Amino acid sequence: MVRTSSASSSVTGIAFVAVAAVLWGTTGTAQSLGAGALSPFWVGAAQLAVSSLFLLLILAASHLQARRRAPAAAPGQPLLPNPVRLGLRPAWFLLASLGIGGYSIFFYEGVTRTGVAVGTAVAIGSGPIWAGLMQALVLRAPLSVLWWAGTLVSVAGGAAMVMARGGAMLSWSGLLLCLLAGLSYAGYALINKRLVTHMPPRVVNCYVFTGAACMAVPVALLYSGLPQWSLAGVLVVVYLGVVVSGMAHMLFSIGLRSISGATGVTLSLIEPVAAFVLAVWIVGEYQPPQSWAGLLAVLAGLMLVIGAEMRAQRAVAAVQMA
């Protein structure tokens, strides 16, 4: 019975993360509509600010609904619980905010310098590798050979998909920024995994994204000055903030409650798959054979990662039953 519930929980978690990755895959299509004269720094900062406001509105709506259902118990309940009272260190939220904020800033600026193909391949492809290394070296929880095999196959496939689009530019600073983006996101995912096991995902994300926005906006002001808004830019930023950051990361956080953080990061490689499907199905883009081969490699690698995750969950369940 424990094994069945554990396996079911893992499947649910994988499904939530997969849906989140599909939403992330719409980023390129949204940005193709044009963000006006907004700099990459402001695209990332404004996206975080919108997602913070969106998550705060969700919390306020759920709090109001709770007060209507149980008016006698609600007055003493704050909108945002104090994480310290739940045994959570503020430093964890700070690091998570640095991770998600750093990813937004580093990624958008990195792909501007290197080109979308190379930048996306380095940022998204390095994330699972960073996550696996951190989980093994920092958390002392090494991952299986099957997990590493699946991750490396998926990373190679994802790199083949995005590199086939061409448009690469050699920029060492851009490559470094994209590597930092992958590292930032991997760190965020591993810390977020710990946070959402103690607090509701909507509360965790509200804290994290608000902190990230507070860090990113001054950086955008420093490096890009005041933003140049346009209607297209506002619409793109609102979509990125509400759907790509707010909704997708909520689903991602819920999924992390039942799978490992490193597996969650690897499953984010579904993002280029979703972008590929959108490009072929909606935009009607021609994709070379290299892209199709990369797509198959990503899917094959993800199947190995999912198998490794399910095997690990069954091992944990067996230990609990013993």
Foldseek 3Di string as FASTA:
>chain_A
DLLVVLLVLLVLLLVLLLVLLLLLLCLVVLCVLPLDQFALLCLLLLLLVLLLVLLLVVLVVVLVVVCVVPVVPNPVDDSFDDVVVLVDDVVLLLLLLCLSLLLSNLLSVLCVQWPPLVLVLLQLLLQLVLLQVCCCPVVVDHADPLQVVLSVLQSVLLSLQSCQVPPTDDDPSSSVSSNSSSNSNSSNLQSLLVVCLRDPLSSSLSSSSVSNSVVSVVVCCVPPNDGDGDPSSVVSSNSSNVRNRNSSVNSNSSSSPSFHSSLSSSSSSCSNVSNVCCCCPPVVDDGDPSNVVSSVSNVVSNVSNSVSRSVVSSVVSVVVVD
